[in-house]
Amino acid sequence: MTQDAALSRQLYVKIAGTPLSTAVMDELYRVEVESSLNLPAMCVLYVHDSTAELTNSGPFDLGAAIEVGVADEQGRGETVLFDGEITGIEPDFREGTLADLAIRAYDRSHRLHRGAFTRTYTNMTDSAIASDVANQAGLQADVEATNSEHPHIYQHGQTPMEFLRERARRIGYDVYVQGRRLCFKPASTNGQAIDLEWGANLRSFSPILSLGEQVSQVEVRGWNPATKREIVGRASSGEAAPSIGEQRTGGALAEEAFGSASELTVSTDVVDQAEADELAQAILDDHDGAFVEAEGECFGLPALMAGSTVQITALGQRFNGTYRVTSARHVWSTERDYVTFFTVRGRRDDTLTRLIVGPAKARTSWPVMTGIVTDLDDPEGMGRVTVKFPWLDPDLSSHWARVIGTGAGAGRGTYWLPEVNDEVLIGFEQGDMSRPVVIGGLWNGEDEPPLDSGTAISNGEVVQRTLATRVGHRITFSEENPAFVRIETAGGQFILLHDDDGKIDIETSGGAVLSLDDNGNKIRLSGGGNIEIEGDLNVTLKSGANMDIEASGNLTLKGATIQLNP
């Protein structure tokens, strides 16, 4: 039996449910299957293809379902190692007319890395959101229920997997795909621990104990605007480090060596106490998982996959114990024994990006941006509005955004809401798009200011300012030439306080006028209709000089007693 034929006895490969022919299997000379808690599982098949027949005519069609498994020693029993879809074919035409073909496949989570989307989720838990994402990707949802309900979550131009990992990271969940199931569950072990003994089936093992990033406690602080109180979540006991002979935690060892250290997180908004506690625990577990890291190699074990637990012995007291596998890579080759490589990294991945930028943050932080107001009817009466971001999505609206008001407080402050379709500048609490705040309104090419620049500005100085409403009510402040304050309604009623002329004029749209003139030493009350002066008690008319009372018609003086005194 050739080495290639021996390899075909160890493995089986099905394309679209059909086993590969014996002829194709005999050309198979290397197989790699890699699983990870943080990346799509990957499978690569390497076959000899000297005639380029497999390259040009299949059966390795792009997009086809592929299943790779291992057979028992008699070649009968089957254990599935990989279930996914072919995403690439990679022929290698070398000198000497030698040709090979690599077939690359990923599990179906690769679908969740295709395309960036903008969507909103209202009044949903994270588990319900995960179920919805699974349905959108054509996958079955296998989720463990979460409790905190979020009033509004914005998926802002993210791939589905990027979005789900962000949600999962906050609560210590894993996101992965098994076959056609999208799993959204707490970090846990898969099945019974696999025994590995150094010097027997464990060929090599390189653990690292590191006090870098280790803290004794994590505190998450947030704000609840409904109750006007802070939300504080704390965690002081990590749950992600391997259970080994070294009994002290990374935080305890770091405190013993360097003194106490804690981490305060205020850059991630939380909706309630439960989510604050979950986030604090997830952050501490991320640090805790980095206390013990390791790489290992063992003789081939099909059961060893990402998420598996391995029980390692013969290392001595300090490093004997159980480790959770972060990633595993199985290699079958005609040139060497079947081996399995694995890493222990807690919940962190092995990518170059992680090594360069460090642990992933809980989410992307957003700067201020512009939006269009869509709704004013705040169901909770807090003076909030909703906005949409047409540059991101033309239809989706934000969660209710609080509006900045000068002097805002209990029953006081400037209450000046924008109108529907107004352009506004939006900020985000802690950079979270689900927590918008309206900073102010913006003028633009369609919505012009209520004053033109020629009126408002003179010689590089602002000489007029105004407050104007949608229907045309207006208060205008003029600094000079002339200096005045004018209060005017849309119907034409106005009050004019004129500093240069020393006058106060009050005038109705019908022409009734009250004028108080300091410069002219005159008070004038006039109108086209009747004028009445009435008091519930006394009314006194008194002049320091002359007084004239004149009527073009009858003059009537009436009283219980009329006294004329010289």
Protein backbone atom coordinates (compact mmCIF):
# COMPACT_ATOMS: atom_id res chain seq x y z
CA MET A 1 0.00 0.00 0.00
CA THR A 2 1.37 3.46 -0.92
CA GLN A 3 1.66 6.23 1.63
CA ASP A 4 -1.09 8.12 -0.21
CA ALA A 5 -3.36 5.10 -0.01
CA ALA A 6 -2.60 4.81 3.71
CA LEU A 7 -3.72 8.42 4.16
CA SER A 8 -6.95 7.70 2.32
CA ARG A 9 -7.69 4.98 4.86
CA GLN A 10 -7.36 7.43 7.75
CA LEU A 11 -9.66 10.09 6.33
CA TYR A 12 -12.79 10.48 4.29
CA VAL A 13 -13.89 13.49 2.24
CA LYS A 14 -17.39 14.20 0.93
CA ILE A 15 -18.21 16.90 -1.59
CA ALA A 16 -21.90 17.88 -1.65
CA GLY A 17 -22.62 14.70 0.27
CA THR A 18 -20.79 12.39 -2.16
CA PRO A 19 -17.52 10.66 -1.11
CA LEU A 20 -14.50 11.42 -3.25
CA SER A 21 -13.59 8.67 -5.66
CA THR A 22 -10.75 6.31 -4.82
CA ALA A 23 -8.72 7.79 -7.67
CA VAL A 24 -8.98 11.30 -6.24
CA MET A 25 -8.36 10.12 -2.68
CA ASP A 26 -5.19 8.40 -3.86
CA GLU A 27 -3.89 11.79 -5.06
CA LEU A 28 -4.47 13.32 -1.62
CA TYR A 29 -1.14 13.87 0.12
CA ARG A 30 -1.84 16.42 2.89
CA VAL A 31 -4.84 17.61 4.91
CA GLU A 32 -4.99 20.39 7.49
CA VAL A 33 -8.02 21.11 9.67
CA GLU A 34 -7.86 24.11 11.99
CA SER A 35 -10.47 25.25 14.50
CA SER A 36 -10.46 28.41 16.61
CA LEU A 37 -12.64 30.13 19.18
CA ASN A 38 -12.13 33.41 17.35
CA LEU A 39 -11.92 32.60 13.63
CA PRO A 40 -13.82 30.41 11.16
CA ALA A 41 -12.70 26.78 11.17
CA MET A 42 -10.58 26.06 8.09
CA CYS A 43 -9.74 22.97 6.09
CA VAL A 44 -7.13 22.70 3.32
CA LEU A 45 -6.76 19.63 1.09
CA TYR A 46 -3.59 19.17 -0.98
CA VAL A 47 -3.75 16.83 -3.98
CA HIS A 48 -1.39 15.95 -6.82
CA ASP A 49 -2.82 17.28 -10.09
CA SER A 50 -0.13 16.80 -12.72
CA THR A 51 -2.65 16.90 -15.59
CA ALA A 52 -4.62 19.84 -14.10
CA GLU A 53 -7.75 17.72 -14.48
CA LEU A 54 -8.94 18.41 -10.93
CA THR A 55 -8.17 22.10 -11.33
CA ASN A 56 -10.27 22.42 -14.46
CA SER A 57 -13.10 19.94 -14.07
CA GLY A 58 -13.90 19.43 -10.41
CA PRO A 59 -15.21 17.88 -8.25
CA PHE A 60 -13.98 20.73 -6.06
CA ASP A 61 -16.53 23.35 -7.08
CA LEU A 62 -16.45 26.72 -5.38
CA GLY A 63 -19.29 27.00 -2.88
CA ALA A 64 -19.81 23.25 -2.64
CA ALA A 65 -20.39 21.68 0.77
CA ILE A 66 -17.44 19.69 2.06
CA GLU A 67 -17.18 17.27 4.95
CA VAL A 68 -13.94 15.82 6.25
CA GLY A 69 -13.83 13.09 8.85
CA VAL A 70 -11.64 10.42 10.31
CA ALA A 71 -12.19 6.69 10.03
CA ASP A 72 -11.40 4.06 12.65
CA GLU A 73 -8.50 1.66 12.22
CA GLN A 74 -10.62 -0.63 10.05
CA GLY A 75 -11.73 2.31 7.88
CA ARG A 76 -15.37 1.91 8.86
CA GLY A 77 -16.45 4.31 11.62
CA GLU A 78 -16.65 8.00 10.83
CA THR A 79 -16.12 11.05 13.06
CA VAL A 80 -16.78 14.44 11.46
CA LEU A 81 -13.87 16.84 11.86
CA PHE A 82 -14.91 19.58 9.49
CA ASP A 83 -18.20 20.62 7.90
CA GLY A 84 -18.12 23.69 5.71
CA GLU A 85 -18.00 25.12 2.21
CA ILE A 86 -15.27 25.40 -0.42
CA THR A 87 -14.20 29.02 -0.76
CA GLY A 88 -11.03 28.76 -2.83
CA ILE A 89 -8.98 26.58 -5.17
CA GLU A 90 -5.24 27.26 -5.38
CA PRO A 91 -3.35 25.44 -8.16
CA ASP A 92 0.45 25.44 -8.06
CA PHE A 93 2.12 24.95 -11.46
CA ARG A 94 5.82 24.36 -10.86
CA GLU A 95 8.90 23.92 -12.96
CA GLY A 96 9.19 20.48 -14.50
CA THR A 97 5.47 20.32 -15.35
CA LEU A 98 4.63 19.42 -11.78
CA ALA A 99 1.28 20.62 -10.53
CA ASP A 100 -0.57 20.42 -7.24
CA LEU A 101 -3.94 21.76 -6.14
CA ALA A 102 -4.93 23.15 -2.75
CA ILE A 103 -8.63 23.27 -1.90
CA ARG A 104 -9.47 25.73 0.87
CA ALA A 105 -12.73 25.62 2.81
CA TYR A 106 -14.20 27.37 5.83
CA ASP A 107 -17.02 26.45 8.14
CA ARG A 108 -20.27 28.31 7.52
CA SER A 109 -19.34 31.12 9.87
CA HIS A 110 -17.47 32.55 6.89
CA ARG A 111 -20.88 33.74 5.69
CA LEU A 112 -20.99 36.03 8.71
CA HIS A 113 -17.78 37.73 7.56
CA ARG A 114 -19.24 38.68 4.17
CA GLY A 115 -20.64 42.17 3.82
CA ALA A 116 -20.95 45.01 6.30
CA PHE A 117 -24.49 45.89 7.32
CA THR A 118 -26.35 48.60 9.18
CA ARG A 119 -29.34 47.39 11.17
CA THR A 120 -31.17 48.25 14.37
CA TYR A 121 -32.48 45.95 17.07
CA THR A 122 -35.03 47.34 19.53
CA ASN A 123 -36.10 45.90 22.87
CA MET A 124 -34.14 42.68 22.35
CA THR A 125 -31.75 40.58 24.42
CA ASP A 126 -28.35 39.62 23.04
CA SER A 127 -29.52 36.02 22.63
CA ALA A 128 -32.53 37.17 20.59
CA ILE A 129 -30.24 39.30 18.44
CA ALA A 130 -27.97 36.27 17.85
CA SER A 131 -30.97 34.19 16.78
CA ASP A 132 -32.00 36.88 14.33
CA VAL A 133 -28.49 37.07 12.85
CA ALA A 134 -28.45 33.27 12.47
CA ASN A 135 -31.73 33.35 10.56
CA GLN A 136 -30.44 36.09 8.27
CA ALA A 137 -27.41 33.92 7.43
CA GLY A 138 -29.48 30.80 6.78
CA LEU A 139 -28.18 29.05 9.90
CA GLN A 140 -29.95 27.38 12.79
CA ALA A 141 -29.73 29.26 16.08
CA ASP A 142 -28.27 27.41 19.06
CA VAL A 143 -28.23 30.08 21.78
CA GLU A 144 -28.34 30.24 25.54
CA ALA A 145 -30.78 32.89 26.71
CA THR A 146 -29.51 36.18 28.15
CA ASN A 147 -31.52 38.40 30.48
CA SER A 148 -30.73 42.07 29.86
CA GLU A 149 -33.05 43.65 27.30
CA HIS A 150 -31.54 46.48 25.28
CA PRO A 151 -33.89 49.29 24.19
CA HIS A 152 -31.88 49.96 21.05
CA ILE A 153 -28.78 48.35 19.52
CA TYR A 154 -27.20 49.74 16.35
CA GLN A 155 -25.19 47.50 14.03
CA HIS A 156 -23.18 50.24 12.36
CA GLY A 157 -21.56 49.11 9.12
CA GLN A 158 -20.26 45.88 10.65
CA THR A 159 -20.08 42.32 9.40
CA PRO A 160 -22.52 40.03 11.24
CA MET A 161 -19.64 38.22 12.95
CA GLU A 162 -17.92 41.43 14.00
CA PHE A 163 -21.22 42.62 15.45
CA LEU A 164 -21.96 39.33 17.23
CA ARG A 165 -18.46 39.07 18.70
CA GLU A 166 -18.84 42.59 20.05
CA ARG A 167 -22.09 41.60 21.75
CA ALA A 168 -20.62 38.31 23.01
CA ARG A 169 -17.44 39.90 24.37
CA ARG A 170 -19.48 42.10 26.70
CA ILE A 171 -21.07 39.13 28.47
CA GLY A 172 -18.37 36.45 28.26
CA TYR A 173 -20.03 34.43 25.48
CA ASP A 174 -18.45 32.49 22.60
CA VAL A 175 -19.67 32.72 19.00
CA TYR A 176 -18.95 29.81 16.67
CA VAL A 177 -20.56 27.61 14.03
CA GLN A 178 -20.90 23.83 14.19
CA GLY A 179 -22.14 22.42 10.92
CA ARG A 180 -25.22 24.48 10.17
CA ARG A 181 -25.74 25.78 13.73
CA LEU A 182 -24.71 29.20 14.94
CA CYS A 183 -23.81 28.84 18.62
CA PHE A 184 -24.00 31.80 21.01
CA LYS A 185 -23.21 30.50 24.46
CA PRO A 186 -21.16 31.15 27.60
CA ALA A 187 -17.52 30.14 27.38
CA SER A 188 -17.42 26.49 28.42
CA THR A 189 -15.68 23.22 27.71
CA ASN A 190 -16.73 20.78 25.05
CA GLY A 191 -17.18 17.27 26.42
CA GLN A 192 -14.92 15.23 28.68
CA ALA A 193 -11.29 16.24 29.22
CA ILE A 194 -8.75 14.64 26.89
CA ASP A 195 -5.79 13.05 28.67
CA LEU A 196 -2.35 14.12 27.47
CA GLU A 197 0.86 12.82 29.06
CA TRP A 198 4.22 14.35 28.30
CA GLY A 199 6.52 11.64 27.04
CA ALA A 200 3.57 9.55 25.84
CA ASN A 201 0.97 11.09 23.52
CA LEU A 202 2.02 14.70 24.31
CA ARG A 203 5.11 15.37 22.21
CA SER A 204 5.83 18.93 23.38
CA PHE A 205 4.26 21.60 25.54
CA SER A 206 5.44 25.19 26.14
CA PRO A 207 3.48 27.06 28.83
CA ILE A 208 3.98 30.69 29.86
CA LEU A 209 3.04 32.36 33.13
CA SER A 210 2.79 36.12 32.65
CA LEU A 211 1.82 38.87 35.08
CA GLY A 212 1.38 41.38 32.28
CA GLU A 213 -2.13 42.92 32.32
CA GLN A 214 -3.07 41.08 35.53
CA VAL A 215 -5.35 43.03 37.89
CA SER A 216 -7.07 42.22 41.17
CA GLN A 217 -10.44 43.74 40.32
CA VAL A 218 -12.40 45.21 37.43
CA GLU A 219 -15.01 47.89 37.96
CA VAL A 220 -17.46 48.95 35.26
CA ARG A 221 -19.29 52.22 35.75
CA GLY A 222 -22.21 53.53 33.73
CA TRP A 223 -25.12 55.94 34.00
CA ASN A 224 -28.87 55.38 34.03
CA PRO A 225 -30.62 58.58 32.85
CA ALA A 226 -34.04 57.19 33.79
CA THR A 227 -33.12 56.93 37.48
CA LYS A 228 -30.41 59.63 37.44
CA ARG A 229 -28.07 57.22 39.20
CA GLU A 230 -24.78 55.49 38.41
CA ILE A 231 -24.55 51.78 37.60
CA VAL A 232 -21.52 49.99 39.07
CA GLY A 233 -20.49 46.42 38.25
CA ARG A 234 -17.53 44.67 39.87
CA ALA A 235 -15.62 41.42 39.44
CA SER A 236 -12.72 40.23 41.58
CA SER A 237 -12.40 36.52 40.76
CA GLY A 238 -11.38 35.46 37.25
CA GLU A 239 -12.88 32.31 35.76
CA ALA A 240 -10.86 31.80 32.57
CA ALA A 241 -7.38 30.71 33.66
CA PRO A 242 -6.45 27.02 33.40
CA SER A 243 -6.90 24.95 36.55
CA ILE A 244 -3.32 23.86 37.25
CA GLY A 245 -0.97 23.21 40.14
CA GLU A 246 -0.21 26.92 40.45
CA GLN A 247 -3.10 27.79 42.74
CA ARG A 248 -2.58 31.54 42.92
CA THR A 249 -4.36 33.68 40.36
CA GLY A 250 -2.53 36.07 38.10
CA GLY A 251 -4.11 38.99 39.91
CA ALA A 252 -3.01 37.68 43.31
CA LEU A 253 0.56 37.05 42.13
CA ALA A 254 0.76 40.48 40.51
CA GLU A 255 -0.54 42.11 43.69
CA GLU A 256 2.00 40.18 45.77
CA ALA A 257 4.85 41.23 43.49
CA PHE A 258 3.90 44.76 42.48
CA GLY A 259 1.03 45.88 44.70
CA SER A 260 -2.69 46.08 44.12
CA ALA A 261 -4.05 47.21 40.75
CA SER A 262 -7.59 47.46 39.46
CA GLU A 263 -9.12 48.37 36.13
CA LEU A 264 -11.87 50.94 35.76
CA THR A 265 -13.97 50.79 32.61
CA VAL A 266 -16.21 53.72 31.72
CA SER A 267 -15.93 53.50 27.92
CA THR A 268 -18.73 50.96 27.47
CA ASP A 269 -22.34 51.79 28.23
CA VAL A 270 -24.44 49.32 30.21
CA VAL A 271 -28.22 49.18 30.48
CA ASP A 272 -28.61 47.70 33.95
CA GLN A 273 -26.84 46.17 36.94
CA ALA A 274 -26.82 42.66 35.48
CA GLU A 275 -25.06 43.77 32.31
CA ALA A 276 -22.54 45.82 34.31
CA ASP A 277 -21.65 42.75 36.38
CA GLU A 278 -21.41 40.56 33.26
CA LEU A 279 -19.16 43.06 31.51
CA ALA A 280 -16.88 43.40 34.53
CA GLN A 281 -16.57 39.61 34.73
CA ALA A 282 -15.89 39.32 30.99
CA ILE A 283 -13.10 41.93 31.15
CA LEU A 284 -11.51 40.25 34.18
CA ASP A 285 -11.76 36.85 32.47
CA ASP A 286 -10.00 38.28 29.43
CA HIS A 287 -7.07 39.27 31.65
CA ASP A 288 -7.29 36.05 33.65
CA GLY A 289 -7.09 33.91 30.52
CA ALA A 290 -3.83 35.62 29.55
CA PHE A 291 -2.15 34.61 32.83
CA VAL A 292 -1.37 31.11 31.52
CA GLU A 293 -0.75 30.67 27.80
CA ALA A 294 0.71 27.65 26.05
CA GLU A 295 1.46 25.87 22.80
CA GLY A 296 1.49 22.12 22.43
CA GLU A 297 1.92 19.26 19.96
CA CYS A 298 0.59 15.75 20.38
CA PHE A 299 0.05 12.64 18.31
CA GLY A 300 -3.10 13.01 16.27
CA LEU A 301 -6.29 13.23 18.33
CA PRO A 302 -9.42 13.91 16.26
CA ALA A 303 -11.39 14.84 19.39
CA LEU A 304 -9.06 17.71 20.25
CA MET A 305 -10.74 20.86 18.88
CA ALA A 306 -11.09 24.51 19.86
CA GLY A 307 -13.04 24.65 23.10
CA SER A 308 -11.89 21.20 24.22
CA THR A 309 -10.38 20.65 27.65
CA VAL A 310 -7.12 18.76 27.95
CA GLN A 311 -5.85 17.14 31.16
CA ILE A 312 -2.06 17.32 31.03
CA THR A 313 0.20 15.25 33.29
CA ALA A 314 3.91 14.47 33.80
CA LEU A 315 4.88 18.16 33.73
CA GLY A 316 5.41 18.50 37.44
CA GLN A 317 3.19 19.96 40.11
CA ARG A 318 3.07 23.55 38.89
CA PHE A 319 1.86 22.99 35.32
CA ASN A 320 -0.10 19.75 35.62
CA GLY A 321 -3.80 20.41 35.23
CA THR A 322 -6.62 21.21 32.82
CA TYR A 323 -6.37 23.69 29.98
CA ARG A 324 -9.04 24.97 27.61
CA VAL A 325 -7.92 24.87 23.98
CA THR A 326 -8.18 28.15 22.08
CA SER A 327 -7.19 26.76 18.69
CA ALA A 328 -6.26 23.35 17.29
CA ARG A 329 -4.67 22.33 13.99
CA HIS A 330 -4.72 18.75 12.71
CA VAL A 331 -2.20 17.77 10.05
CA TRP A 332 -2.31 14.51 8.09
CA SER A 333 0.53 14.00 5.64
CA THR A 334 2.10 11.20 3.64
CA GLU A 335 5.49 12.49 4.80
CA ARG A 336 5.03 12.28 8.57
CA ASP A 337 2.76 11.06 11.34
CA TYR A 338 -0.67 12.53 11.96
CA VAL A 339 -0.14 15.29 14.55
CA THR A 340 -2.26 17.86 16.34
CA PHE A 341 -1.00 21.31 17.32
CA PHE A 342 -2.92 23.39 19.84
CA THR A 343 -2.74 26.71 21.67
CA VAL A 344 -4.08 27.99 24.97
CA ARG A 345 -4.77 31.73 24.82
CA GLY A 346 -7.88 32.21 26.95
CA ARG A 347 -10.41 34.10 24.86
CA ARG A 348 -7.80 35.84 22.75
CA ASP A 349 -6.86 34.97 19.18
CA ASP A 350 -3.45 34.31 17.66
CA THR A 351 -3.68 36.86 14.87
CA LEU A 352 -0.99 39.39 14.04
CA THR A 353 -3.50 42.17 14.64
CA ARG A 354 -3.98 41.08 18.24
CA LEU A 355 -0.22 40.96 18.78
CA ILE A 356 0.18 44.48 17.39
CA VAL A 357 -2.81 46.33 18.86
CA GLY A 358 -3.40 44.23 21.96
CA PRO A 359 -6.68 42.86 23.31
CA ALA A 360 -9.80 43.77 21.40
CA LYS A 361 -11.85 46.57 22.81
CA ALA A 362 -15.50 46.12 23.55
CA ARG A 363 -16.56 48.15 20.52
CA THR A 364 -15.66 50.79 18.00
CA SER A 365 -15.78 54.34 19.34
CA TRP A 366 -17.69 56.80 17.14
CA PRO A 367 -16.96 60.53 16.87
CA VAL A 368 -19.67 63.16 16.51
CA MET A 369 -21.64 63.04 13.27
CA THR A 370 -24.58 64.65 11.53
CA GLY A 371 -28.09 63.24 11.40
CA ILE A 372 -31.65 64.13 10.43
CA VAL A 373 -34.40 64.32 13.08
CA THR A 374 -37.17 61.77 12.46
CA ASP A 375 -39.44 61.78 15.54
CA LEU A 376 -40.24 64.08 18.47
CA ASP A 377 -42.89 62.09 20.36
CA ASP A 378 -40.77 60.77 23.22
CA PRO A 379 -42.89 58.12 24.98
CA GLU A 380 -41.20 58.89 28.30
CA GLY A 381 -41.57 62.66 28.09
CA MET A 382 -37.85 63.37 28.49
CA GLY A 383 -37.60 65.76 25.56
CA ARG A 384 -35.76 63.27 23.37
CA VAL A 385 -35.80 62.85 19.60
CA THR A 386 -34.81 60.14 17.15
CA VAL A 387 -32.47 60.74 14.23
CA LYS A 388 -31.37 58.90 11.12
CA PHE A 389 -27.96 58.93 9.47
CA PRO A 390 -28.60 59.03 5.70
CA TRP A 391 -24.90 58.62 4.91
CA LEU A 392 -24.99 55.29 6.80
CA ASP A 393 -28.52 54.05 6.03
CA PRO A 394 -31.38 56.10 4.53
CA ASP A 395 -34.15 54.52 6.60
CA LEU A 396 -32.95 53.35 10.01
CA SER A 397 -33.51 55.66 12.97
CA SER A 398 -31.50 55.86 16.16
CA HIS A 399 -32.62 55.19 19.69
CA TRP A 400 -34.15 58.16 21.54
CA ALA A 401 -31.49 60.86 21.81
CA ARG A 402 -31.39 63.31 24.67
CA VAL A 403 -31.13 66.97 23.63
CA ILE A 404 -28.70 69.40 25.19
CA GLY A 405 -30.50 72.32 26.85
CA THR A 406 -28.81 75.37 28.35
CA GLY A 407 -29.37 75.33 32.11
CA ALA A 408 -31.31 72.07 31.92
CA GLY A 409 -32.42 70.80 35.32
CA ALA A 410 -35.48 69.92 37.35
CA GLY A 411 -38.28 71.87 35.65
CA ARG A 412 -35.90 74.54 34.34
CA GLY A 413 -33.63 75.35 31.43
CA THR A 414 -33.99 76.21 27.76
CA TYR A 415 -36.48 73.85 26.14
CA TRP A 416 -35.73 74.20 22.44
CA LEU A 417 -36.24 70.97 20.49
CA PRO A 418 -35.27 70.60 16.84
CA GLU A 419 -37.97 69.94 14.26
CA VAL A 420 -38.48 66.79 12.19
CA ASN A 421 -36.16 66.87 9.15
CA ASP A 422 -33.76 69.30 10.84
CA GLU A 423 -30.07 68.51 10.47
CA VAL A 424 -28.39 68.11 13.86
CA LEU A 425 -24.97 67.28 15.25
CA ILE A 426 -24.97 64.04 17.25
CA GLY A 427 -22.53 62.86 19.88
CA PHE A 428 -22.50 59.43 21.51
CA GLU A 429 -22.12 58.60 25.18
CA GLN A 430 -18.83 56.72 25.51
CA GLY A 431 -18.75 56.48 21.69
CA ASP A 432 -21.70 54.05 21.63
CA MET A 433 -24.09 54.59 18.71
CA SER A 434 -26.92 53.18 20.80
CA ARG A 435 -26.61 56.17 23.19
CA PRO A 436 -26.96 59.32 21.01
CA VAL A 437 -27.12 62.91 22.28
CA VAL A 438 -28.17 65.92 20.17
CA ILE A 439 -25.51 68.61 20.58
CA GLY A 440 -27.20 71.21 18.41
CA GLY A 441 -28.80 72.07 15.09
CA LEU A 442 -27.01 72.82 11.81
CA TRP A 443 -27.78 75.10 8.90
CA ASN A 444 -27.06 73.90 5.38
CA GLY A 445 -27.66 74.68 1.73
CA GLU A 446 -31.39 74.00 2.06
CA ASP A 447 -32.02 75.30 5.58
CA GLU A 448 -30.62 78.83 5.74
CA PRO A 449 -29.93 80.87 8.90
CA PRO A 450 -32.66 83.30 10.04
CA LEU A 451 -30.29 86.23 9.39
CA ASP A 452 -28.12 86.83 6.34
CA SER A 453 -24.45 87.55 6.87
CA GLY A 454 -24.73 91.13 5.61
CA THR A 455 -27.24 91.94 8.34
CA ALA A 456 -25.63 89.98 11.15
CA ILE A 457 -21.97 90.91 10.57
CA SER A 458 -20.29 94.28 10.11
CA ASN A 459 -16.55 94.95 9.95
CA GLY A 460 -15.75 91.46 11.19
CA GLU A 461 -18.04 91.69 14.23
CA VAL A 462 -21.43 90.16 14.94
CA VAL A 463 -23.86 93.08 15.27
CA GLN A 464 -27.16 91.18 15.25
CA ARG A 465 -28.32 87.94 16.82
CA THR A 466 -31.74 86.38 16.70
CA LEU A 467 -33.95 83.59 18.03
CA ALA A 468 -36.50 82.48 15.45
CA THR A 469 -39.17 79.74 15.51
CA ARG A 470 -40.55 77.61 12.72
CA VAL A 471 -43.66 79.81 12.17
CA GLY A 472 -41.78 83.12 12.38
CA HIS A 473 -41.84 84.29 16.01
CA ARG A 474 -38.58 86.12 16.57
CA ILE A 475 -36.40 87.88 19.14
CA THR A 476 -33.67 90.04 17.60
CA PHE A 477 -30.72 91.61 19.41
CA SER A 478 -28.91 94.46 17.64
CA GLU A 479 -25.61 95.60 19.14
CA GLU A 480 -25.21 98.96 17.37
CA ASN A 481 -26.39 101.30 14.60
CA PRO A 482 -29.09 101.05 15.89
CA ALA A 483 -28.94 99.19 19.20
CA PHE A 484 -32.24 97.50 20.02
CA VAL A 485 -34.04 94.39 21.15
CA ARG A 486 -37.13 93.45 19.16
CA ILE A 487 -39.67 90.80 20.16
CA GLU A 488 -42.00 90.00 17.27
CA THR A 489 -44.70 87.45 16.56
CA ALA A 490 -45.36 85.84 13.21
CA GLY A 491 -48.61 87.83 13.04
CA GLY A 492 -46.84 91.19 13.24
CA GLN A 493 -47.23 92.13 16.93
CA PHE A 494 -43.98 93.48 18.34
CA ILE A 495 -42.17 95.07 21.25
CA LEU A 496 -39.19 97.25 20.38
CA LEU A 497 -36.70 98.36 23.02
CA HIS A 498 -34.59 101.02 21.27
CA ASP A 499 -31.47 102.21 23.13
CA ASP A 500 -30.31 104.81 20.59
CA ASP A 501 -33.69 106.60 20.52
CA GLY A 502 -34.45 105.95 24.18
CA LYS A 503 -37.82 104.45 23.30
CA ILE A 504 -39.95 101.43 24.01
CA ASP A 505 -42.65 100.76 21.44
CA ILE A 506 -45.40 98.18 21.74
CA GLU A 507 -47.52 97.77 18.62
CA THR A 508 -50.20 95.35 17.50
CA SER A 509 -50.77 94.20 13.96
CA GLY A 510 -53.96 96.31 13.94
CA GLY A 511 -52.09 99.52 14.69
CA ALA A 512 -52.65 99.95 18.44
CA VAL A 513 -49.52 101.62 19.83
CA LEU A 514 -48.01 102.27 23.23
CA SER A 515 -44.86 104.37 22.94
CA LEU A 516 -42.60 105.31 25.85
CA ASP A 517 -40.19 108.01 24.61
CA ASP A 518 -37.45 109.28 26.96
CA ASN A 519 -35.84 111.59 24.39
CA GLY A 520 -39.15 113.20 23.47
CA ASN A 521 -40.39 113.15 27.06
CA LYS A 522 -43.57 111.60 25.79
CA ILE A 523 -45.80 108.60 26.38
CA ARG A 524 -48.23 107.92 23.57
CA LEU A 525 -51.15 105.49 23.56
CA SER A 526 -53.07 105.30 20.32
CA GLY A 527 -55.23 102.96 18.32
CA GLY A 528 -57.83 102.79 15.62
CA GLY A 529 -60.48 101.50 18.04
CA ASN A 530 -61.56 102.05 21.62
CA ILE A 531 -59.05 102.65 24.41
CA GLU A 532 -60.02 101.60 27.92
CA ILE A 533 -58.17 102.25 31.19
CA GLU A 534 -59.71 100.28 34.01
CA GLY A 535 -58.69 99.44 37.58
CA ASP A 536 -60.37 97.40 40.27
CA LEU A 537 -59.44 100.06 42.87
CA ASN A 538 -58.25 103.62 42.26
CA VAL A 539 -57.16 105.19 38.97
CA THR A 540 -55.22 108.47 39.20
CA LEU A 541 -54.34 110.85 36.34
CA LYS A 542 -51.90 113.57 37.44
CA SER A 543 -49.84 116.15 35.57
CA GLY A 544 -47.04 118.33 36.90
CA ALA A 545 -48.01 121.02 34.40
CA ASN A 546 -51.03 121.37 32.13
CA MET A 547 -53.53 118.63 31.27
CA ASP A 548 -55.84 118.74 28.27
CA ILE A 549 -58.86 116.47 27.87
CA GLU A 550 -60.46 116.85 24.46
CA ALA A 551 -63.14 114.98 22.55
CA SER A 552 -64.43 115.62 19.03
CA GLY A 553 -67.79 114.33 20.20
CA ASN A 554 -69.45 114.25 23.57
CA LEU A 555 -67.35 114.30 26.76
CA THR A 556 -68.91 112.37 29.62
CA LEU A 557 -67.73 112.45 33.21
CA LYS A 558 -69.61 110.07 35.49
CA GLY A 559 -69.19 109.19 39.16
CA ALA A 560 -71.07 108.79 42.42
CA THR A 561 -69.74 112.26 43.32
CA ILE A 562 -67.94 114.67 41.01
CA GLN A 563 -65.61 117.15 42.71
CA LEU A 564 -63.94 119.97 40.83
CA ASN A 565 -61.18 121.55 42.93
CA PRO A 566 -59.23 124.68 41.88
